[in-house]
Protein backbone atom coordinates (compact mmCIF):
# COMPACT_ATOMS: atom_id res chain seq x y z
CA MET A 1 -47.03 -168.16 -229.10
CA ASN A 2 -47.42 -170.89 -226.94
CA ARG A 3 -45.08 -169.58 -224.44
CA ASP A 4 -47.22 -166.33 -224.35
CA ILE A 5 -50.30 -168.31 -223.89
CA PHE A 6 -48.41 -170.91 -221.02
CA LEU A 7 -47.38 -166.95 -219.16
CA LEU A 8 -50.81 -165.57 -219.37
CA GLY A 9 -52.71 -168.85 -218.17
CA ILE A 10 -49.65 -168.80 -214.92
CA THR A 11 -51.02 -165.06 -214.02
CA ARG A 12 -54.43 -166.30 -214.11
CA VAL A 13 -53.84 -169.18 -211.77
CA ILE A 14 -51.49 -167.09 -209.19
CA ARG A 15 -53.91 -164.76 -209.08
CA SER A 16 -57.49 -166.85 -209.20
CA PHE A 17 -55.54 -168.77 -206.11
CA SER A 18 -56.73 -165.70 -203.84
CA PHE A 19 -59.94 -164.48 -206.16
CA GLY A 20 -60.87 -167.69 -204.88
CA TYR A 21 -61.82 -166.35 -201.48
CA ILE A 22 -62.03 -162.72 -201.18
CA ALA A 23 -64.80 -162.73 -203.41
CA PHE A 24 -66.79 -164.25 -200.61
CA LEU A 25 -64.54 -163.21 -197.59
CA LEU A 26 -64.27 -159.26 -198.08
CA PRO A 27 -67.77 -158.90 -197.54
CA LEU A 28 -67.73 -160.63 -194.30
CA TYR A 29 -64.56 -158.77 -193.35
CA LEU A 30 -66.19 -154.96 -194.46
CA LYS A 31 -68.96 -156.40 -192.38
CA ALA A 32 -66.68 -157.81 -189.22
CA MET A 33 -65.11 -154.51 -188.99
CA GLY A 34 -68.40 -152.59 -188.27
CA PHE A 35 -69.30 -152.06 -192.02
CA SER A 36 -73.50 -151.90 -192.01
CA VAL A 37 -75.45 -153.91 -194.61
CA GLU A 38 -75.83 -150.79 -196.89
CA LEU A 39 -72.19 -149.38 -196.70
CA ILE A 40 -71.15 -152.57 -198.01
CA GLY A 41 -73.58 -151.70 -201.29
CA LEU A 42 -72.06 -148.64 -201.28
CA TYR A 43 -68.77 -149.82 -201.15
CA ALA A 44 -69.54 -152.60 -204.35
CA LEU A 45 -70.74 -149.62 -205.95
CA VAL A 46 -67.94 -147.52 -205.27
CA ALA A 47 -65.65 -150.63 -206.77
CA THR A 48 -67.47 -150.86 -209.24
CA ILE A 49 -67.50 -147.13 -210.51
CA SER A 50 -63.96 -147.56 -209.76
CA SER A 51 -62.98 -150.74 -211.89
CA SER A 52 -65.01 -149.79 -214.46
CA ILE A 53 -62.74 -146.26 -215.29
CA LEU A 54 -59.78 -148.92 -215.01
CA VAL A 55 -61.67 -151.47 -217.51
CA ILE A 56 -61.83 -147.83 -220.13
CA ILE A 57 -58.41 -147.06 -219.39
CA SER A 58 -57.00 -150.32 -219.99
CA GLY A 59 -58.63 -150.74 -222.98
CA PHE A 60 -57.48 -147.64 -224.85
CA LEU A 61 -53.91 -148.16 -223.37
CA GLY A 62 -54.19 -151.62 -224.38
CA ASP A 63 -54.85 -150.71 -227.96
CA ILE A 64 -53.11 -147.59 -229.01
CA TYR A 65 -50.08 -148.20 -226.66
CA SER A 66 -49.07 -151.50 -225.45
CA ARG A 67 -51.24 -154.21 -223.67
CA LYS A 68 -48.35 -155.88 -221.50
CA LYS A 69 -47.46 -152.40 -220.12
CA THR A 70 -51.13 -151.72 -219.54
CA LEU A 71 -51.58 -155.12 -218.08
CA LEU A 72 -48.63 -155.19 -215.66
CA ILE A 73 -49.91 -151.49 -214.41
CA MET A 74 -53.70 -153.00 -213.60
CA SER A 75 -52.04 -156.08 -212.09
CA ALA A 76 -50.27 -154.19 -209.72
CA LEU A 77 -53.31 -151.90 -208.49
CA PRO A 78 -54.83 -154.83 -206.63
CA ILE A 79 -51.86 -154.02 -204.33
CA PHE A 80 -52.65 -151.93 -202.83
CA ALA A 81 -55.83 -152.81 -202.03
CA MET A 82 -54.24 -155.69 -199.88
CA ILE A 83 -52.09 -153.02 -197.74
CA ILE A 84 -55.30 -151.46 -197.04
CA LEU A 85 -56.96 -154.25 -195.59
CA ILE A 86 -53.93 -155.71 -193.94
CA SER A 87 -52.77 -152.65 -192.15
CA THR A 88 -55.80 -150.60 -191.19
CA LYS A 89 -59.01 -151.19 -189.07
CA SER A 90 -60.40 -147.80 -189.71
CA ILE A 91 -63.49 -147.43 -191.79
CA PRO A 92 -62.38 -144.34 -193.72
CA LEU A 93 -59.47 -146.11 -194.62
CA LEU A 94 -60.87 -149.78 -195.66
CA PHE A 95 -63.49 -147.98 -197.95
CA ALA A 96 -60.77 -145.89 -199.75
CA SER A 97 -59.65 -149.25 -200.84
CA SER A 98 -62.29 -149.28 -203.10
CA VAL A 99 -61.08 -147.10 -205.27
CA PHE A 100 -58.50 -149.95 -206.52
CA GLY A 101 -61.25 -151.92 -208.24
CA LEU A 102 -61.68 -154.72 -205.95
CA THR A 103 -64.93 -156.85 -206.66
CA PHE A 104 -67.07 -159.16 -205.01
CA ALA A 105 -68.13 -160.60 -207.85
CA ALA A 106 -67.12 -164.51 -207.83
CA MET A 107 -67.39 -167.07 -210.55
CA GLY A 108 -70.63 -166.85 -212.22
CA GLY A 109 -70.84 -163.22 -211.39
CA GLY A 110 -71.50 -161.47 -214.26
CA ALA A 111 -69.94 -158.22 -213.70
CA GLY A 112 -67.61 -158.30 -216.42
CA GLY A 113 -64.17 -158.99 -215.26
CA GLY A 114 -62.16 -156.18 -214.03
CA PRO A 115 -59.31 -153.94 -215.91
CA ILE A 116 -57.29 -157.31 -216.88
CA ALA A 117 -59.88 -159.19 -218.67
CA PRO A 118 -59.47 -157.07 -221.81
CA LEU A 119 -56.18 -157.57 -222.38
CA GLN A 120 -55.93 -160.93 -221.51
CA THR A 121 -58.38 -162.04 -223.59
CA ALA A 122 -57.51 -159.64 -226.29
CA MET A 123 -53.82 -161.39 -226.25
CA VAL A 124 -55.25 -164.47 -226.30
CA ALA A 125 -56.84 -163.87 -229.54
CA SER A 126 -53.62 -162.16 -231.22
CA ARG A 127 -51.64 -165.54 -230.63
CA VAL A 128 -54.38 -168.37 -231.27
CA LYS A 129 -56.28 -167.68 -234.72
CA GLU A 130 -58.13 -171.39 -234.61
CA GLY A 131 -59.87 -173.08 -232.21
CA ARG A 132 -59.58 -170.22 -229.94
CA THR A 133 -63.50 -171.43 -227.30
CA LYS A 134 -61.10 -174.50 -226.47
CA VAL A 135 -57.80 -172.18 -225.46
CA TYR A 136 -60.68 -169.91 -223.57
CA SER A 137 -61.99 -172.96 -222.18
CA TYR A 138 -58.26 -174.64 -220.77
CA LEU A 139 -57.17 -171.39 -219.29
CA THR A 140 -60.93 -170.72 -217.57
CA THR A 141 -60.70 -174.02 -216.15
CA ALA A 142 -57.07 -174.00 -215.24
CA ALA A 143 -57.90 -170.64 -213.10
CA THR A 144 -61.21 -172.06 -212.09
CA PHE A 145 -58.95 -175.00 -210.32
CA SER A 146 -56.48 -172.52 -209.15
CA ALA A 147 -59.62 -170.54 -207.48
CA ILE A 148 -60.68 -173.73 -205.79
CA ALA A 149 -57.78 -174.56 -204.52
CA GLY A 150 -57.33 -171.14 -202.69
CA GLY A 151 -60.90 -171.66 -201.71
CA PHE A 152 -60.02 -174.51 -199.66
CA PHE A 153 -57.19 -173.69 -198.88
CA SER A 154 -58.78 -170.25 -197.05
CA SER A 155 -61.38 -173.29 -195.48
CA TYR A 156 -58.68 -174.14 -194.21
CA VAL A 157 -57.56 -171.41 -192.64
CA ILE A 158 -60.39 -170.23 -191.50
CA GLN A 159 -61.16 -173.36 -189.28
CA THR A 160 -57.36 -173.55 -187.82
CA VAL A 161 -56.29 -169.97 -187.53
CA LYS A 162 -58.04 -167.16 -185.16
CA ASP A 163 -56.65 -163.98 -187.36
CA TYR A 164 -57.51 -165.67 -190.73
CA TYR A 165 -58.64 -162.31 -192.24
CA HIS A 166 -55.00 -161.28 -192.07
CA VAL A 167 -53.43 -164.03 -193.30
CA LEU A 168 -55.49 -165.15 -196.41
CA PHE A 169 -54.98 -161.34 -197.14
CA THR A 170 -51.38 -160.99 -197.05
CA LEU A 171 -50.97 -164.29 -199.32
CA ALA A 172 -53.08 -162.81 -201.51
CA LEU A 173 -50.93 -159.48 -201.36
CA ALA A 174 -47.56 -162.55 -202.21
CA LEU A 175 -49.47 -163.72 -204.93
CA MET A 176 -50.58 -160.51 -206.81
CA THR A 177 -46.57 -159.38 -206.70
CA ALA A 178 -45.62 -162.67 -208.36
CA SER A 179 -48.26 -162.52 -210.96
CA LEU A 180 -46.04 -159.60 -212.32
CA ILE A 181 -43.34 -161.43 -213.29
CA ALA A 182 -45.06 -163.62 -215.32
CA VAL A 183 -46.58 -160.49 -217.22
CA ALA A 184 -43.15 -158.59 -217.63
CA LEU A 185 -42.04 -162.14 -219.72
CA ILE A 186 -44.73 -162.02 -221.78
CA SER A 187 -43.61 -161.06 -225.09
CA GLU A 188 -44.93 -157.80 -226.78
CA GLU A 189 -44.89 -158.62 -230.30
CA PRO A 190 -48.38 -160.51 -231.82
CA ASP A 191 -50.01 -157.08 -230.53
CA LYS A 192 -48.23 -154.59 -232.17
CA VAL A 193 -50.53 -152.77 -234.82
CA PRO A 194 -49.33 -150.35 -237.77
CA ASN A 195 -49.64 -146.54 -236.80
CA VAL A 196 -52.43 -145.51 -239.19
CA VAL A 197 -54.74 -147.86 -237.20
CA LYS A 198 -53.56 -146.54 -233.81
CA ARG A 199 -54.96 -142.83 -234.94
CA SER A 200 -58.76 -144.09 -234.90
CA VAL A 201 -59.02 -143.62 -230.91
CA LEU A 202 -62.16 -144.75 -231.08
CA PRO A 203 -63.64 -148.50 -232.36
CA LYS A 204 -65.18 -147.18 -235.28
CA LYS A 205 -65.28 -150.50 -237.25
CA SER A 206 -66.92 -153.23 -234.32
CA ALA A 207 -68.88 -150.12 -233.05
CA ARG A 208 -72.27 -151.75 -233.70
CA ASN A 209 -71.77 -155.41 -232.40
CA ILE A 210 -70.06 -153.57 -229.42
CA THR A 211 -73.16 -151.90 -228.46
CA LYS A 212 -75.56 -154.79 -228.87
CA VAL A 213 -72.93 -156.89 -226.45
CA ALA A 214 -72.69 -153.94 -224.17
CA VAL A 215 -76.63 -153.49 -224.17
CA SER A 216 -77.19 -157.30 -223.61
CA GLY A 217 -74.22 -157.62 -220.42
CA MET A 218 -76.31 -154.31 -219.14
CA PHE A 219 -79.39 -156.43 -218.04
CA GLY A 220 -77.40 -159.24 -216.64
CA SER A 221 -74.62 -157.40 -214.69
CA LEU A 222 -78.18 -155.33 -213.31
CA GLY A 223 -79.74 -158.37 -212.38
CA LEU A 224 -77.10 -160.44 -210.58
CA GLY A 225 -75.50 -157.43 -209.37
CA MET A 226 -78.41 -156.88 -207.14
CA ILE A 227 -77.98 -160.42 -204.91
CA LEU A 228 -74.60 -162.22 -206.27
CA PRO A 229 -71.82 -159.47 -204.13
CA LEU A 230 -74.13 -160.06 -201.11
CA LEU A 231 -75.40 -163.24 -201.03
CA PRO A 232 -72.23 -164.47 -198.35
CA ILE A 233 -74.51 -162.28 -196.19
CA TYR A 234 -77.40 -163.73 -197.20
CA PHE A 235 -76.40 -167.09 -196.52
CA LYS A 236 -74.86 -165.83 -192.93
CA ASP A 237 -78.23 -164.57 -192.30
CA ILE A 238 -80.66 -168.17 -193.03
CA GLY A 239 -77.91 -169.63 -190.40
CA ALA A 240 -74.27 -170.50 -192.23
CA ASN A 241 -70.83 -169.90 -190.61
CA ASP A 242 -68.23 -168.53 -192.61
CA PHE A 243 -66.42 -172.13 -193.21
CA THR A 244 -70.26 -173.01 -194.64
CA ILE A 245 -70.07 -169.97 -197.19
CA SER A 246 -66.29 -171.07 -197.73
CA LEU A 247 -67.24 -175.11 -198.79
CA ILE A 248 -70.41 -173.31 -201.04
CA TYR A 249 -68.11 -171.11 -202.98
CA ASP A 250 -65.35 -174.14 -203.27
CA ALA A 251 -67.84 -176.61 -204.95
CA SER A 252 -69.21 -173.73 -207.19
CA TYR A 253 -65.85 -173.28 -208.46
CA ILE A 254 -65.37 -176.92 -209.51
CA VAL A 255 -68.60 -177.21 -210.76
CA ALA A 256 -67.62 -174.00 -213.31
CA GLY A 257 -64.15 -175.45 -213.46
CA ILE A 258 -65.53 -179.02 -214.91
CA SER A 259 -68.33 -177.20 -216.76
CA VAL A 260 -65.79 -175.11 -219.01
CA LEU A 261 -64.53 -178.08 -220.65
CA PHE A 262 -67.35 -178.94 -222.53
CA ALA A 263 -67.89 -175.69 -224.05
CA SER A 264 -66.08 -176.15 -226.91
CA LYS A 265 -68.31 -179.96 -227.42
CA VAL A 266 -71.93 -178.00 -226.72
CA GLU A 267 -70.84 -175.25 -229.16
CA LYS A 268 -70.55 -178.38 -231.92
CA ILE A 269 -73.85 -179.85 -230.58
CA PHE A 270 -76.06 -176.47 -230.06
CA GLY A 271 -74.46 -173.57 -232.13
CA THR A 272 -71.90 -170.90 -230.40
CA VAL A 273 -75.09 -168.57 -230.18
CA ASN A 274 -77.59 -171.43 -229.18
CA GLY A 275 -74.97 -172.69 -226.44
CA ILE A 276 -74.72 -169.15 -225.06
CA PHE A 277 -78.48 -168.51 -224.76
CA ILE A 278 -79.46 -171.89 -223.30
CA PHE A 279 -76.39 -172.37 -220.32
CA ARG A 280 -76.48 -168.24 -219.79
CA SER A 281 -80.40 -168.55 -218.76
CA LEU A 282 -79.63 -172.21 -216.93
CA GLY A 283 -77.15 -169.66 -215.09
CA THR A 284 -79.55 -167.02 -213.81
CA LEU A 285 -83.24 -168.16 -213.22
CA PRO A 286 -82.44 -170.50 -211.04
CA LEU A 287 -81.90 -167.27 -208.47
CA ILE A 288 -85.51 -167.22 -208.28
CA LEU A 289 -85.49 -170.63 -206.42
CA ILE A 290 -82.75 -169.84 -204.06
CA PRO A 291 -84.95 -168.24 -200.92
CA PHE A 292 -87.70 -171.07 -201.32
CA PHE A 293 -85.48 -173.44 -199.66
CA HIS A 294 -84.15 -172.00 -195.69
CA ASP A 295 -81.73 -174.89 -196.23
CA ILE A 296 -78.40 -174.03 -196.38
CA ALA A 297 -77.46 -176.65 -198.61
CA ILE A 298 -80.52 -176.26 -200.67
CA ALA A 299 -79.92 -172.78 -200.97
CA GLY A 300 -76.19 -173.74 -201.98
CA ALA A 301 -76.57 -175.99 -204.22
CA ILE A 302 -78.65 -174.22 -206.74
CA TYR A 303 -76.39 -171.48 -206.32
CA VAL A 304 -73.63 -174.27 -207.07
CA MET A 305 -75.57 -175.14 -209.65
CA ARG A 306 -76.43 -171.84 -211.64
CA THR A 307 -72.48 -171.06 -211.56
CA GLY A 308 -71.74 -174.07 -213.45
CA PHE A 309 -74.18 -173.11 -215.93
CA TYR A 310 -73.06 -169.58 -216.14
CA GLN A 311 -69.65 -169.97 -216.53
CA LEU A 312 -70.10 -173.05 -219.04
CA ALA A 313 -71.00 -170.12 -221.88
CA LEU A 314 -68.44 -168.02 -221.50
CA PRO A 315 -65.40 -169.35 -223.26
CA MET A 316 -68.21 -168.99 -226.30
CA ARG A 317 -68.96 -165.67 -225.80
CA GLN A 318 -65.43 -165.07 -225.50
CA ASN A 319 -64.59 -166.32 -228.82
CA LEU A 320 -67.52 -165.23 -230.34
CA SER A 321 -66.83 -161.83 -229.08
CA MET A 322 -63.10 -161.84 -230.55
CA ASP A 323 -64.93 -162.54 -234.49
CA LEU A 324 -67.14 -159.69 -234.14
CA TYR A 325 -64.46 -156.83 -232.71
CA SER A 326 -61.37 -156.25 -235.50
CA PRO A 327 -58.00 -157.11 -234.11
CA GLU A 328 -56.92 -153.83 -233.43
CA GLU A 329 -59.94 -152.73 -231.65
CA ARG A 330 -60.34 -155.99 -229.26
CA SER A 331 -59.02 -154.47 -226.22
CA ARG A 332 -61.86 -151.32 -226.51
CA GLY A 333 -64.18 -153.37 -227.22
CA LEU A 334 -64.03 -155.48 -224.59
CA SER A 335 -63.39 -152.29 -222.25
CA PHE A 336 -67.06 -150.62 -223.44
CA THR A 337 -68.77 -154.20 -222.74
CA GLY A 338 -66.91 -154.66 -219.34
CA VAL A 339 -67.71 -151.01 -218.23
CA ALA A 340 -71.75 -151.70 -219.21
CA ARG A 341 -71.39 -154.91 -216.80
CA ARG A 342 -69.72 -153.41 -214.30
CA LEU A 343 -71.48 -149.88 -213.63
CA PRO A 344 -74.93 -152.12 -213.97
CA TYR A 345 -73.33 -154.46 -211.42
CA GLY A 346 -72.61 -151.59 -208.79
CA VAL A 347 -75.72 -149.46 -209.11
CA ALA A 348 -77.59 -152.62 -208.58
CA SER A 349 -75.72 -153.76 -205.73
CA VAL A 350 -76.78 -150.70 -203.93
CA VAL A 351 -80.15 -151.41 -204.26
CA GLY A 352 -79.73 -155.22 -203.49
CA SER A 353 -78.18 -153.80 -199.98
CA THR A 354 -81.31 -151.99 -199.62
CA LEU A 355 -84.06 -154.86 -200.51
CA LEU A 356 -81.39 -157.01 -198.02
CA ALA A 357 -81.34 -155.09 -195.28
CA LEU A 358 -84.91 -154.80 -195.00
CA GLY A 359 -85.24 -158.90 -195.62
CA LEU A 360 -87.16 -159.01 -198.63
CA TYR A 361 -85.46 -162.06 -199.88
CA VAL A 362 -88.32 -163.32 -202.68
CA LEU A 363 -88.80 -160.10 -203.75
CA LEU A 364 -84.84 -159.48 -204.20
CA PHE A 365 -83.83 -162.77 -206.09
CA SER A 366 -87.27 -162.90 -208.09
CA ILE A 367 -85.95 -159.44 -209.34
CA SER A 368 -82.34 -160.34 -209.99
CA GLY A 369 -83.69 -163.44 -211.96
CA PHE A 370 -85.85 -161.94 -214.35
CA ILE A 371 -83.67 -159.04 -214.81
CA ALA A 372 -80.43 -161.10 -216.01
CA PHE A 373 -82.35 -163.21 -217.92
CA LEU A 374 -82.19 -160.70 -220.48
CA ASP A 375 -78.82 -160.73 -221.10
CA PRO A 376 -78.95 -164.42 -222.91
CA MET A 377 -82.13 -163.28 -224.66
CA LEU A 378 -81.31 -160.11 -225.82
CA TYR A 379 -77.89 -161.82 -227.27
CA TYR A 380 -79.59 -164.82 -229.01
CA ILE A 381 -82.31 -161.73 -230.65
CA PHE A 382 -78.68 -159.89 -231.68
CA PHE A 383 -76.03 -162.65 -233.06
CA ARG A 384 -78.62 -165.46 -233.49
CA GLU A 385 -77.77 -165.65 -236.87
CA TYR A 386 -73.82 -166.28 -235.96
CA ASN A 387 -75.11 -169.64 -234.68
CA LYS A 388 -73.51 -172.79 -236.53
CA PRO A 389 -70.27 -173.43 -235.80
CA SER A 390 -69.09 -173.46 -239.18
CA ARG A 391 -70.26 -170.23 -240.24
CA SER A 392 -67.29 -167.67 -240.41
CA VAL A 393 -68.25 -164.52 -238.40
CA GLU A 394 -65.44 -163.37 -240.46
CA LYS A 395 -66.88 -162.97 -243.35
CA GLU A 396 -70.89 -161.38 -242.55
CA LYS A 397 -68.94 -159.06 -240.41
CA HIS A 398 -69.60 -156.06 -242.83
CA VAL A 399 -73.60 -156.98 -241.93
CA ASP A 400 -73.01 -155.70 -238.42
CA VAL A 401 -69.56 -153.63 -238.13
CA GLY A 402 -69.78 -151.63 -241.40
């Protein structure tokens, strides 16, 4: 099983290197190719809808058919988007790349991950029975520092290469292709479930908890989706260049990578749910402060700080959701909650792009922060009885999942 965890980590590390710069570079590239701010917001919406459909497909196929084979399929899809970005400058064709589920969501984005996330999270849970929060922390840290390396590399390329967009997108294509090899080497046995379980298409056992997680996550993504996909454009509006924006994202990845290492310690001190509430709150409310500081250094520092706090809660949230969902329904549960986060994220990006284009920065960031705060608040209300680290969620699951 340790071999599979290692391979799952390798796939995340390889992919994260390129996603360390795609999150901020893609909206800037589209703008450079002639996209208006509103069209970029629409691109984000279409990408989110497409990714949401793929998330549902991946969850159902993962639980009912094969998590490994589904992971191979979903890992291959972004390759087609990279090919389009590399090979054409046509606005209609570039817009078509949105259907392959690319995202503007950087670390701490709240969009729920792409179609790969439900599969990888469930595959880890089926291979690790004790200490999952720590395993999720290590995997997240490894992926984060890979994203940091990708961010630093992109900063160097931006400074030294004239056609840096093409170079960086080509590298992303190569890395996404390479990650498929690691996925192919993962074993399938730990994810197999009896045929009698596979007959149930909808995740009935975990339905109540899935609904609760989805409702709270929906508000988080609705708030964060209004500004985070467009934040590089805002930074540019207040005077930052591409290199400076790259450095801000590099710093956010470094802080996030360090912070998640403390997730298991925070969980022991505060409890799982209290820890999630505290640090997700600290990861959303500071957004309100950003437009009051026109100095890019201060605005960037606030963004870096809130990203670290937001990510620290991720391993705890992953671990708790794996206990809240029945083992044979984990991929589907994560898919439903992922869609509940991704769709509002995309819709909100359209609203956010309109407010950004009008220059209503204070209104935009205030609405974003307050709505996003409803996520940790509702999560605490729904699951506060599971707060104590020593408390067995499995023993009490009948309370919520029938």
